Structure formats: structure tokens, C-alpha cells
């Protein structure tokens, strides 16, 4: 697993445990987009909209990577929630910041 995915997951899990999403959100570019497949949520465009989404509906579980496939500025991460359930995140990066986060749950 590469460093940026490791840091993203560690930051997510720390935010979920503490309830303070600010450090996690700082990793998103100002114009980032967060979207979900098959869910009536989003897409959320811009860091402020993403922050509001996490404030209104914070995740209730931590996660771990099962596998990671990387091609240049994109990481496809198969993940598992610690309480059960799996999914795939596609993360796109620019200059060390997340520009796109797309999540599909199994």
C-alpha cells in the first residue's frame, strides 16, 4: 500500500474515532468531488460541501485496506469496514491532495 493511501485511511479512522474531521478534510483539494455509487447521497463538490456531508452524516465505523491498485495519480482501494462489509474507493490525487473520492459499497 502506498503512503498516500496509508495516510488517507489513518486520517479517516482517527477522525471517525475522535469526531474531529478537520485534519481529514485538509487532505482534500478545495475543488474536490466526493460521490457514492448506488446511494442517495452526493455528489458533493468542494471541500466545504464535503465537510458538511461528514458533519451531517459521519461514518460510524473504521476501515482497513484489503488491496490497492495504483496507476499514476489514481488509487483503487478495496476496503473492509471493521464491523463488517466491504467496498471500493477510487481516489484521485493532484499535488498531494485528494481531488476525487468515489465510493461503491458491496
PDB file of N, CA and C in Angstrom:
ATOM      1  N   UNK A   1       0.856  -1.176   0.000  1.00  0.00           N
ATOM      2  CA  UNK A   1       0.000   0.000   0.000  1.00  0.00           C
ATOM      3  C   UNK A   1       0.898   1.234   0.000  1.00  0.00           C
ATOM      4  N   UNK A   2       0.566   2.199  -0.848  1.00  0.00           N
ATOM      5  CA  UNK A   2       1.410   3.384  -0.917  1.00  0.00           C
ATOM      6  C   UNK A   2       1.135   4.336   0.251  1.00  0.00           C
ATOM      7  N   UNK A   3       2.033   5.298   0.418  1.00  0.00           N
ATOM      8  CA  UNK A   3       1.980   6.214   1.554  1.00  0.00           C
ATOM      9  C   UNK A   3       0.704   7.061   1.558  1.00  0.00           C
ATOM     10  N   UNK A   4       0.264   7.549   0.408  1.00  0.00           N
ATOM     11  CA  UNK A   4      -0.911   8.432   0.400  1.00  0.00           C
ATOM     12  C   UNK A   4      -2.171   7.680   0.807  1.00  0.00           C
ATOM     13  N   UNK A   5      -2.315   6.431   0.412  1.00  0.00           N
ATOM     14  CA  UNK A   5      -3.472   5.634   0.835  1.00  0.00           C
ATOM     15  C   UNK A   5      -3.363   5.333   2.322  1.00  0.00           C
ATOM     16  N   UNK A   6      -2.193   4.969   2.785  1.00  0.00           N
ATOM     17  CA  UNK A   6      -1.975   4.693   4.205  1.00  0.00           C
ATOM     18  C   UNK A   6      -2.373   5.913   5.044  1.00  0.00           C
ATOM     19  N   UNK A   7      -1.924   7.103   4.626  1.00  0.00           N
ATOM     20  CA  UNK A   7      -2.239   8.329   5.358  1.00  0.00           C
ATOM     21  C   UNK A   7      -3.727   8.668   5.286  1.00  0.00           C
ATOM     22  N   UNK A   8      -4.344   8.459   4.127  1.00  0.00           N
ATOM     23  CA  UNK A   8      -5.771   8.729   3.978  1.00  0.00           C
ATOM     24  C   UNK A   8      -6.587   7.860   4.939  1.00  0.00           C
ATOM     25  N   UNK A   9      -6.298   6.573   4.979  1.00  0.00           N
ATOM     26  CA  UNK A   9      -7.034   5.670   5.855  1.00  0.00           C
ATOM     27  C   UNK A   9      -6.775   5.972   7.324  1.00  0.00           C
ATOM     28  N   UNK A  10      -5.543   6.259   7.683  1.00  0.00           N
ATOM     29  CA  UNK A  10      -5.223   6.587   9.075  1.00  0.00           C
ATOM     30  C   UNK A  10      -5.948   7.865   9.500  1.00  0.00           C
ATOM     31  N   UNK A  11      -5.974   8.848   8.624  1.00  0.00           N
ATOM     32  CA  UNK A  11      -6.655  10.105   8.923  1.00  0.00           C
ATOM     33  C   UNK A  11      -8.165   9.898   9.042  1.00  0.00           C
ATOM     34  N   UNK A  12      -8.742   9.109   8.149  1.00  0.00           N
ATOM     35  CA  UNK A  12     -10.172   8.788   8.213  1.00  0.00           C
ATOM     36  C   UNK A  12     -10.498   8.102   9.536  1.00  0.00           C
ATOM     37  N   UNK A  13      -9.734   7.070   9.889  1.00  0.00           N
ATOM     38  CA  UNK A  13     -10.005   6.313  11.107  1.00  0.00           C
ATOM     39  C   UNK A  13      -9.837   7.177  12.353  1.00  0.00           C
ATOM     40  N   UNK A  14      -8.828   8.036  12.369  1.00  0.00           N
ATOM     41  CA  UNK A  14      -8.631   8.946  13.511  1.00  0.00           C
ATOM     42  C   UNK A  14      -9.812   9.909  13.632  1.00  0.00           C
ATOM     43  N   UNK A  15     -10.300  10.421  12.496  1.00  0.00           N
ATOM     44  CA  UNK A  15     -11.438  11.346  12.507  1.00  0.00           C
ATOM     45  C   UNK A  15     -12.709  10.634  12.972  1.00  0.00           C
ATOM     46  N   UNK A  16     -12.910   9.419  12.521  1.00  0.00           N
ATOM     47  CA  UNK A  16     -14.098   8.675  12.925  1.00  0.00           C
ATOM     48  C   UNK A  16     -14.075   8.429  14.430  1.00  0.00           C
ATOM     49  N   UNK A  17     -12.920   8.114  14.967  1.00  0.00           N
ATOM     50  CA  UNK A  17     -12.811   7.837  16.406  1.00  0.00           C
ATOM     51  C   UNK A  17     -12.978   9.095  17.246  1.00  0.00           C
ATOM     52  N   UNK A  18     -12.412  10.205  16.785  1.00  0.00           N
ATOM     53  CA  UNK A  18     -12.420  11.449  17.565  1.00  0.00           C
ATOM     54  C   UNK A  18     -13.633  12.328  17.295  1.00  0.00           C
ATOM     55  N   UNK A  19     -14.216  12.197  16.107  1.00  0.00           N
ATOM     56  CA  UNK A  19     -15.300  13.091  15.709  1.00  0.00           C
ATOM     57  C   UNK A  19     -14.816  14.407  15.132  1.00  0.00           C
ATOM     58  N   UNK A  20     -13.502  14.605  15.081  1.00  0.00           N
ATOM     59  CA  UNK A  20     -12.920  15.823  14.507  1.00  0.00           C
ATOM     60  C   UNK A  20     -12.474  15.526  13.089  1.00  0.00           C
ATOM     61  N   UNK A  21     -13.261  15.995  12.116  1.00  0.00           N
ATOM     62  CA  UNK A  21     -12.994  15.705  10.714  1.00  0.00           C
ATOM     63  C   UNK A  21     -12.065  16.714  10.067  1.00  0.00           C
ATOM     64  N   UNK A  22     -11.704  17.787  10.751  1.00  0.00           N
ATOM     65  CA  UNK A  22     -10.872  18.839  10.140  1.00  0.00           C
ATOM     66  C   UNK A  22      -9.540  18.333   9.597  1.00  0.00           C
ATOM     67  N   UNK A  23      -8.760  17.563  10.346  1.00  0.00           N
ATOM     68  CA  UNK A  23      -7.486  17.082   9.776  1.00  0.00           C
ATOM     69  C   UNK A  23      -7.689  16.203   8.539  1.00  0.00           C
ATOM     70  N   UNK A  24      -8.705  15.368   8.551  1.00  0.00           N
ATOM     71  CA  UNK A  24      -9.017  14.517   7.398  1.00  0.00           C
ATOM     72  C   UNK A  24      -9.408  15.377   6.201  1.00  0.00           C
ATOM     73  N   UNK A  25     -10.265  16.344   6.402  1.00  0.00           N
ATOM     74  CA  UNK A  25     -10.741  17.195   5.318  1.00  0.00           C
ATOM     75  C   UNK A  25      -9.643  18.062   4.729  1.00  0.00           C
ATOM     76  N   UNK A  26      -8.616  18.355   5.498  1.00  0.00           N
ATOM     77  CA  UNK A  26      -7.496  19.152   4.993  1.00  0.00           C
ATOM     78  C   UNK A  26      -6.771  18.441   3.857  1.00  0.00           C
ATOM     79  N   UNK A  27      -6.939  17.134   3.741  1.00  0.00           N
ATOM     80  CA  UNK A  27      -6.320  16.371   2.658  1.00  0.00           C
ATOM     81  C   UNK A  27      -7.043  16.479   1.331  1.00  0.00           C
ATOM     82  N   UNK A  28      -8.222  17.105   1.322  1.00  0.00           N
ATOM     83  CA  UNK A  28      -8.991  17.284   0.093  1.00  0.00           C
ATOM     84  C   UNK A  28      -8.633  18.612  -0.558  1.00  0.00           C
ATOM     85  N   UNK A  29      -8.525  18.625  -1.875  1.00  0.00           N
ATOM     86  CA  UNK A  29      -8.336  19.877  -2.613  1.00  0.00           C
ATOM     87  C   UNK A  29      -9.593  20.729  -2.445  1.00  0.00           C
ATOM     88  N   UNK A  30      -9.454  22.035  -2.593  1.00  0.00           N
ATOM     89  CA  UNK A  30     -10.604  22.933  -2.414  1.00  0.00           C
ATOM     90  C   UNK A  30     -11.741  22.621  -3.386  1.00  0.00           C
ATOM     91  N   UNK A  31     -11.416  22.051  -4.547  1.00  0.00           N
ATOM     92  CA  UNK A  31     -12.422  21.755  -5.565  1.00  0.00           C
ATOM     93  C   UNK A  31     -12.704  20.248  -5.697  1.00  0.00           C
ATOM     94  N   UNK A  32     -12.402  19.496  -4.668  1.00  0.00           N
ATOM     95  CA  UNK A  32     -12.580  18.042  -4.695  1.00  0.00           C
ATOM     96  C   UNK A  32     -14.053  17.663  -4.848  1.00  0.00           C
ATOM     97  N   UNK A  33     -14.272  16.456  -5.362  1.00  0.00           N
ATOM     98  CA  UNK A  33     -15.619  15.904  -5.508  1.00  0.00           C
ATOM     99  C   UNK A  33     -15.655  14.557  -4.797  1.00  0.00           C
ATOM    100  N   UNK A  34     -16.719  14.368  -3.990  1.00  0.00           N
ATOM    101  CA  UNK A  34     -16.943  13.086  -3.328  1.00  0.00           C
ATOM    102  C   UNK A  34     -18.287  12.551  -3.812  1.00  0.00           C
ATOM    103  N   UNK A  35     -18.282  11.295  -4.276  1.00  0.00           N
ATOM    104  CA  UNK A  35     -19.510  10.704  -4.798  1.00  0.00           C
ATOM    105  C   UNK A  35     -19.627   9.259  -4.342  1.00  0.00           C
ATOM    106  N   UNK A  36     -20.864   8.765  -4.413  1.00  0.00           N
ATOM    107  CA  UNK A  36     -21.168   7.402  -3.983  1.00  0.00           C
ATOM    108  C   UNK A  36     -21.986   6.704  -5.058  1.00  0.00           C
ATOM    109  N   UNK A  37     -21.707   5.446  -5.294  1.00  0.00           N
ATOM    110  CA  UNK A  37     -22.489   4.640  -6.234  1.00  0.00           C
ATOM    111  C   UNK A  37     -23.643   3.994  -5.482  1.00  0.00           C
ATOM    112  N   UNK A  38     -24.834   4.095  -6.050  1.00  0.00           N
ATOM    113  CA  UNK A  38     -25.978   3.402  -5.501  1.00  0.00           C
ATOM    114  C   UNK A  38     -26.497   3.931  -4.182  1.00  0.00           C
ATOM    115  N   UNK A  39     -26.155   5.156  -3.838  1.00  0.00           N
ATOM    116  CA  UNK A  39     -26.641   5.751  -2.591  1.00  0.00           C
ATOM    117  C   UNK A  39     -27.298   7.088  -2.900  1.00  0.00           C
ATOM    118  N   UNK A  40     -28.327   7.426  -2.165  1.00  0.00           N
ATOM    119  CA  UNK A  40     -28.974   8.722  -2.378  1.00  0.00           C
ATOM    120  C   UNK A  40     -28.236   9.841  -1.641  1.00  0.00           C
ATOM    121  N   UNK A  41     -26.957   9.964  -1.924  1.00  0.00           N
ATOM    122  CA  UNK A  41     -26.133  10.992  -1.285  1.00  0.00           C
ATOM    123  C   UNK A  41     -25.143  11.529  -2.313  1.00  0.00           C
ATOM    124  N   UNK A  42     -24.971  12.859  -2.305  1.00  0.00           N
ATOM    125  CA  UNK A  42     -23.999  13.479  -3.192  1.00  0.00           C
ATOM    126  C   UNK A  42     -24.439  13.477  -4.633  1.00  0.00           C
ATOM    127  N   UNK A  43     -23.548  13.856  -5.508  1.00  0.00           N
ATOM    128  CA  UNK A  43     -22.139  14.154  -5.232  1.00  0.00           C
ATOM    129  C   UNK A  43     -21.989  15.483  -4.482  1.00  0.00           C
ATOM    130  N   UNK A  44     -20.876  15.579  -3.775  1.00  0.00           N
ATOM    131  CA  UNK A  44     -20.525  16.773  -3.022  1.00  0.00           C
ATOM    132  C   UNK A  44     -19.330  17.412  -3.710  1.00  0.00           C
ATOM    133  N   UNK A  45     -19.464  18.666  -4.077  1.00  0.00           N
ATOM    134  CA  UNK A  45     -18.405  19.360  -4.812  1.00  0.00           C
ATOM    135  C   UNK A  45     -17.834  20.471  -3.949  1.00  0.00           C
ATOM    136  N   UNK A  46     -16.533  20.409  -3.730  1.00  0.00           N
ATOM    137  CA  UNK A  46     -15.827  21.394  -2.928  1.00  0.00           C
ATOM    138  C   UNK A  46     -15.628  20.909  -1.507  1.00  0.00           C
ATOM    139  N   UNK A  47     -14.525  21.339  -0.907  1.00  0.00           N
ATOM    140  CA  UNK A  47     -14.188  20.899   0.450  1.00  0.00           C
ATOM    141  C   UNK A  47     -15.279  21.275   1.449  1.00  0.00           C
ATOM    142  N   UNK A  48     -15.887  22.449   1.299  1.00  0.00           N
ATOM    143  CA  UNK A  48     -16.930  22.880   2.236  1.00  0.00           C
ATOM    144  C   UNK A  48     -18.148  21.953   2.166  1.00  0.00           C
ATOM    145  N   UNK A  49     -18.558  21.556   0.965  1.00  0.00           N
ATOM    146  CA  UNK A  49     -19.698  20.648   0.823  1.00  0.00           C
ATOM    147  C   UNK A  49     -19.362  19.265   1.377  1.00  0.00           C
ATOM    148  N   UNK A  50     -18.140  18.824   1.174  1.00  0.00           N
ATOM    149  CA  UNK A  50     -17.713  17.526   1.705  1.00  0.00           C
ATOM    150  C   UNK A  50     -17.690  17.590   3.233  1.00  0.00           C
ATOM    151  N   UNK A  51     -17.197  18.686   3.791  1.00  0.00           N
ATOM    152  CA  UNK A  51     -17.178  18.861   5.250  1.00  0.00           C
ATOM    153  C   UNK A  51     -18.596  18.824   5.816  1.00  0.00           C
ATOM    154  N   UNK A  52     -19.523  19.469   5.139  1.00  0.00           N
ATOM    155  CA  UNK A  52     -20.912  19.477   5.589  1.00  0.00           C
ATOM    156  C   UNK A  52     -21.498  18.063   5.549  1.00  0.00           C
ATOM    157  N   UNK A  53     -21.154  17.298   4.529  1.00  0.00           N
ATOM    158  CA  UNK A  53     -21.641  15.915   4.428  1.00  0.00           C
ATOM    159  C   UNK A  53     -21.138  15.078   5.605  1.00  0.00           C
ATOM    160  N   UNK A  54     -19.864  15.223   5.952  1.00  0.00           N
ATOM    161  CA  UNK A  54     -19.323  14.469   7.090  1.00  0.00           C
ATOM    162  C   UNK A  54     -19.924  14.949   8.398  1.00  0.00           C
ATOM    163  N   UNK A  55     -20.234  16.230   8.517  1.00  0.00           N
ATOM    164  CA  UNK A  55     -20.850  16.758   9.734  1.00  0.00           C
ATOM    165  C   UNK A  55     -22.277  16.239   9.899  1.00  0.00           C
ATOM    166  N   UNK A  56     -23.017  16.157   8.790  1.00  0.00           N
ATOM    167  CA  UNK A  56     -24.413  15.737   8.844  1.00  0.00           C
ATOM    168  C   UNK A  56     -24.583  14.221   8.965  1.00  0.00           C
ATOM    169  N   UNK A  57     -23.708  13.467   8.309  1.00  0.00           N
ATOM    170  CA  UNK A  57     -23.812  12.002   8.317  1.00  0.00           C
ATOM    171  C   UNK A  57     -22.432  11.376   8.488  1.00  0.00           C
ATOM    172  N   UNK A  58     -21.843  11.509   9.677  1.00  0.00           N
ATOM    173  CA  UNK A  58     -20.496  10.954   9.855  1.00  0.00           C
ATOM    174  C   UNK A  58     -20.507   9.430   9.808  1.00  0.00           C
ATOM    175  N   UNK A  59     -19.479   8.849   9.227  1.00  0.00           N
ATOM    176  CA  UNK A  59     -19.366   7.386   9.231  1.00  0.00           C
ATOM    177  C   UNK A  59     -19.325   6.863  10.668  1.00  0.00           C
ATOM    178  N   UNK A  60     -19.825   5.662  10.850  1.00  0.00           N
ATOM    179  CA  UNK A  60     -19.909   5.085  12.192  1.00  0.00           C
ATOM    180  C   UNK A  60     -18.924   3.944  12.411  1.00  0.00           C
ATOM    181  N   UNK A  61     -17.990   3.770  11.490  1.00  0.00           N
ATOM    182  CA  UNK A  61     -17.055   2.657  11.601  1.00  0.00           C
ATOM    183  C   UNK A  61     -15.716   3.045  10.990  1.00  0.00           C
ATOM    184  N   UNK A  62     -14.694   2.341  11.402  1.00  0.00           N
ATOM    185  CA  UNK A  62     -13.365   2.492  10.819  1.00  0.00           C
ATOM    186  C   UNK A  62     -13.190   1.440   9.726  1.00  0.00           C
ATOM    187  N   UNK A  63     -12.126   1.617   8.929  1.00  0.00           N
ATOM    188  CA  UNK A  63     -11.913   0.712   7.805  1.00  0.00           C
ATOM    189  C   UNK A  63     -10.441   0.363   7.648  1.00  0.00           C
ATOM    190  N   UNK A  64     -10.202  -0.662   6.850  1.00  0.00           N
ATOM    191  CA  UNK A  64      -8.829  -1.064   6.509  1.00  0.00           C
ATOM    192  C   UNK A  64      -8.794  -1.421   5.030  1.00  0.00           C
ATOM    193  N   UNK A  65      -7.638  -1.285   4.446  1.00  0.00           N
ATOM    194  CA  UNK A  65      -7.452  -1.650   3.039  1.00  0.00           C
ATOM    195  C   UNK A  65      -7.287  -3.157   2.933  1.00  0.00           C
ATOM    196  N   UNK A  66      -7.933  -3.730   1.940  1.00  0.00           N
ATOM    197  CA  UNK A  66      -7.784  -5.146   1.627  1.00  0.00           C
ATOM    198  C   UNK A  66      -6.787  -5.292   0.476  1.00  0.00           C
ATOM    199  N   UNK A  67      -6.888  -4.381  -0.503  1.00  0.00           N
ATOM    200  CA  UNK A  67      -5.942  -4.359  -1.616  1.00  0.00           C
ATOM    201  C   UNK A  67      -5.929  -2.955  -2.213  1.00  0.00           C
ATOM    202  N   UNK A  68      -4.832  -2.644  -2.883  1.00  0.00           N
ATOM    203  CA  UNK A  68      -4.683  -1.337  -3.521  1.00  0.00           C
ATOM    204  C   UNK A  68      -4.067  -1.537  -4.897  1.00  0.00           C
ATOM    205  N   UNK A  69      -4.680  -0.907  -5.898  1.00  0.00           N
ATOM    206  CA  UNK A  69      -4.116  -0.880  -7.247  1.00  0.00           C
ATOM    207  C   UNK A  69      -3.877   0.587  -7.593  1.00  0.00           C
ATOM    208  N   UNK A  70      -2.654   0.898  -8.002  1.00  0.00           N
ATOM    209  CA  UNK A  70      -2.274   2.277  -8.266  1.00  0.00           C
ATOM    210  C   UNK A  70      -1.840   2.440  -9.710  1.00  0.00           C
ATOM    211  N   UNK A  71      -2.352   3.498 -10.350  1.00  0.00           N
ATOM    212  CA  UNK A  71      -1.911   3.906 -11.674  1.00  0.00           C
ATOM    213  C   UNK A  71      -1.734   5.409 -11.655  1.00  0.00           C
ATOM    214  N   UNK A  72      -0.516   5.868 -11.644  1.00  0.00           N
ATOM    215  CA  UNK A  72      -0.163   7.283 -11.633  1.00  0.00           C
ATOM    216  C   UNK A  72      -0.870   8.013 -10.496  1.00  0.00           C
ATOM    217  N   UNK A  73      -1.853   8.872 -10.809  1.00  0.00           N
ATOM    218  CA  UNK A  73      -2.487   9.697  -9.778  1.00  0.00           C
ATOM    219  C   UNK A  73      -3.783   9.101  -9.240  1.00  0.00           C
ATOM    220  N   UNK A  74      -4.025   7.818  -9.492  1.00  0.00           N
ATOM    221  CA  UNK A  74      -5.270   7.169  -9.072  1.00  0.00           C
ATOM    222  C   UNK A  74      -4.974   5.905  -8.276  1.00  0.00           C
ATOM    223  N   UNK A  75      -5.690   5.761  -7.160  1.00  0.00           N
ATOM    224  CA  UNK A  75      -5.616   4.550  -6.343  1.00  0.00           C
ATOM    225  C   UNK A  75      -7.005   3.941  -6.266  1.00  0.00           C
ATOM    226  N   UNK A  76      -7.101   2.652  -6.538  1.00  0.00           N
ATOM    227  CA  UNK A  76      -8.344   1.914  -6.366  1.00  0.00           C
ATOM    228  C   UNK A  76      -8.139   1.016  -5.157  1.00  0.00           C
ATOM    229  N   UNK A  77      -8.917   1.264  -4.118  1.00  0.00           N
ATOM    230  CA  UNK A  77      -8.725   0.606  -2.830  1.00  0.00           C
ATOM    231  C   UNK A  77      -9.941  -0.258  -2.511  1.00  0.00           C
ATOM    232  N   UNK A  78      -9.713  -1.559  -2.413  1.00  0.00           N
ATOM    233  CA  UNK A  78     -10.738  -2.445  -1.858  1.00  0.00           C
ATOM    234  C   UNK A  78     -10.606  -2.320  -0.354  1.00  0.00           C
ATOM    235  N   UNK A  79     -11.724  -2.071   0.335  1.00  0.00           N
ATOM    236  CA  UNK A  79     -11.664  -1.873   1.779  1.00  0.00           C
ATOM    237  C   UNK A  79     -12.684  -2.738   2.486  1.00  0.00           C
ATOM    238  N   UNK A  80     -12.452  -2.901   3.783  1.00  0.00           N
ATOM    239  CA  UNK A  80     -13.394  -3.612   4.646  1.00  0.00           C
ATOM    240  C   UNK A  80     -13.645  -2.747   5.870  1.00  0.00           C
ATOM    241  N   UNK A  81     -14.918  -2.582   6.192  1.00  0.00           N
ATOM    242  CA  UNK A  81     -15.279  -1.923   7.446  1.00  0.00           C
ATOM    243  C   UNK A  81     -14.902  -2.854   8.584  1.00  0.00           C
ATOM    244  N   UNK A  82     -14.459  -2.307   9.694  1.00  0.00           N
ATOM    245  CA  UNK A  82     -14.047  -3.152  10.810  1.00  0.00           C
ATOM    246  C   UNK A  82     -15.216  -3.908  11.431  1.00  0.00           C
ATOM    247  N   UNK A  83     -16.438  -3.372  11.326  1.00  0.00           N
ATOM    248  CA  UNK A  83     -17.616  -4.058  11.860  1.00  0.00           C
ATOM    249  C   UNK A  83     -18.254  -4.991  10.834  1.00  0.00           C
ATOM    250  N   UNK A  84     -17.715  -5.022   9.614  1.00  0.00           N
ATOM    251  CA  UNK A  84     -18.237  -5.891   8.568  1.00  0.00           C
ATOM    252  C   UNK A  84     -18.730  -5.098   7.377  1.00  0.00           C
ATOM    253  N   UNK A  85     -18.603  -5.666   6.212  1.00  0.00           N
ATOM    254  CA  UNK A  85     -18.979  -5.007   4.971  1.00  0.00           C
ATOM    255  C   UNK A  85     -17.743  -4.577   4.203  1.00  0.00           C
ATOM    256  N   UNK A  86     -17.891  -4.498   2.897  1.00  0.00           N
ATOM    257  CA  UNK A  86     -16.757  -4.165   2.043  1.00  0.00           C
ATOM    258  C   UNK A  86     -17.187  -3.176   0.964  1.00  0.00           C
ATOM    259  N   UNK A  87     -16.199  -2.671   0.257  1.00  0.00           N
ATOM    260  CA  UNK A  87     -16.471  -1.757  -0.838  1.00  0.00           C
ATOM    261  C   UNK A  87     -15.196  -1.404  -1.576  1.00  0.00           C
ATOM    262  N   UNK A  88     -15.325  -0.453  -2.482  1.00  0.00           N
ATOM    263  CA  UNK A  88     -14.202   0.019  -3.281  1.00  0.00           C
ATOM    264  C   UNK A  88     -14.199   1.545  -3.269  1.00  0.00           C
ATOM    265  N   UNK A  89     -13.037   2.117  -3.035  1.00  0.00           N
ATOM    266  CA  UNK A  89     -12.847   3.565  -3.135  1.00  0.00           C
ATOM    267  C   UNK A  89     -11.907   3.839  -4.297  1.00  0.00           C
ATOM    268  N   UNK A  90     -12.259   4.811  -5.115  1.00  0.00           N
ATOM    269  CA  UNK A  90     -11.351   5.292  -6.144  1.00  0.00           C
ATOM    270  C   UNK A  90     -10.939   6.693  -5.739  1.00  0.00           C
ATOM    271  N   UNK A  91      -9.643   6.874  -5.519  1.00  0.00           N
ATOM    272  CA  UNK A  91      -9.095   8.151  -5.069  1.00  0.00           C
ATOM    273  C   UNK A  91      -8.213   8.725  -6.168  1.00  0.00           C
ATOM    274  N   UNK A  92      -8.440   9.977  -6.499  1.00  0.00           N
ATOM    275  CA  UNK A  92      -7.601  10.671  -7.486  1.00  0.00           C
ATOM    276  C   UNK A  92      -6.911  11.828  -6.788  1.00  0.00           C
ATOM    277  N   UNK A  93      -5.645  12.025  -7.150  1.00  0.00           N
ATOM    278  CA  UNK A  93      -4.785  12.969  -6.444  1.00  0.00           C
ATOM    279  C   UNK A  93      -4.200  14.009  -7.393  1.00  0.00           C
ATOM    280  N   UNK A  94      -3.948  15.192  -6.840  1.00  0.00           N
ATOM    281  CA  UNK A  94      -3.235  16.247  -7.543  1.00  0.00           C
ATOM    282  C   UNK A  94      -2.402  16.998  -6.503  1.00  0.00           C
ATOM    283  N   UNK A  95      -1.116  17.075  -6.745  1.00  0.00           N
ATOM    284  CA  UNK A  95      -0.211  17.803  -5.850  1.00  0.00           C
ATOM    285  C   UNK A  95      -0.385  17.400  -4.388  1.00  0.00           C
ATOM    286  N   UNK A  96      -0.548  16.103  -4.153  1.00  0.00           N
ATOM    287  CA  UNK A  96      -0.633  15.587  -2.795  1.00  0.00           C
ATOM    288  C   UNK A  96      -1.993  15.721  -2.135  1.00  0.00           C
ATOM    289  N   UNK A  97      -2.965  16.276  -2.852  1.00  0.00           N
ATOM    290  CA  UNK A  97      -4.306  16.410  -2.284  1.00  0.00           C
ATOM    291  C   UNK A  97      -5.301  15.573  -3.066  1.00  0.00           C
ATOM    292  N   UNK A  98      -6.327  15.142  -2.373  1.00  0.00           N
ATOM    293  CA  UNK A  98      -7.373  14.336  -2.972  1.00  0.00           C
ATOM    294  C   UNK A  98      -8.300  15.236  -3.787  1.00  0.00           C
ATOM    295  N   UNK A  99      -8.468  14.912  -5.071  1.00  0.00           N
ATOM    296  CA  UNK A  99      -9.358  15.699  -5.929  1.00  0.00           C
ATOM    297  C   UNK A  99     -10.676  14.988  -6.184  1.00  0.00           C
ATOM    298  N   UNK A 100     -10.698  13.676  -6.014  1.00  0.00           N
ATOM    299  CA  UNK A 100     -11.911  12.911  -6.259  1.00  0.00           C
ATOM    300  C   UNK A 100     -11.908  11.666  -5.380  1.00  0.00           C
ATOM    301  N   UNK A 101     -13.032  11.453  -4.708  1.00  0.00           N
ATOM    302  CA  UNK A 101     -13.241  10.255  -3.912  1.00  0.00           C
ATOM    303  C   UNK A 101     -14.576   9.671  -4.334  1.00  0.00           C
ATOM    304  N   UNK A 102     -14.528   8.489  -4.939  1.00  0.00           N
ATOM    305  CA  UNK A 102     -15.749   7.801  -5.347  1.00  0.00           C
ATOM    306  C   UNK A 102     -15.815   6.489  -4.572  1.00  0.00           C
ATOM    307  N   UNK A 103     -16.950   6.248  -3.918  1.00  0.00           N
ATOM    308  CA  UNK A 103     -17.106   5.073  -3.060  1.00  0.00           C
ATOM    309  C   UNK A 103     -18.263   4.217  -3.565  1.00  0.00           C
ATOM    310  N   UNK A 104     -18.013   2.922  -3.668  1.00  0.00           N
ATOM    311  CA  UNK A 104     -19.045   1.948  -4.014  1.00  0.00           C
ATOM    312  C   UNK A 104     -19.040   0.879  -2.935  1.00  0.00           C
ATOM    313  N   UNK A 105     -20.188   0.636  -2.318  1.00  0.00           N
ATOM    314  CA  UNK A 105     -20.315  -0.396  -1.297  1.00  0.00           C
ATOM    315  C   UNK A 105     -20.816  -1.685  -1.937  1.00  0.00           C
ATOM    316  N   UNK A 106     -20.320  -2.805  -1.425  1.00  0.00           N
ATOM    317  CA  UNK A 106     -20.759  -4.115  -1.930  1.00  0.00           C
ATOM    318  C   UNK A 106     -22.111  -4.481  -1.336  1.00  0.00           C
TER     319      UNK A 106
END
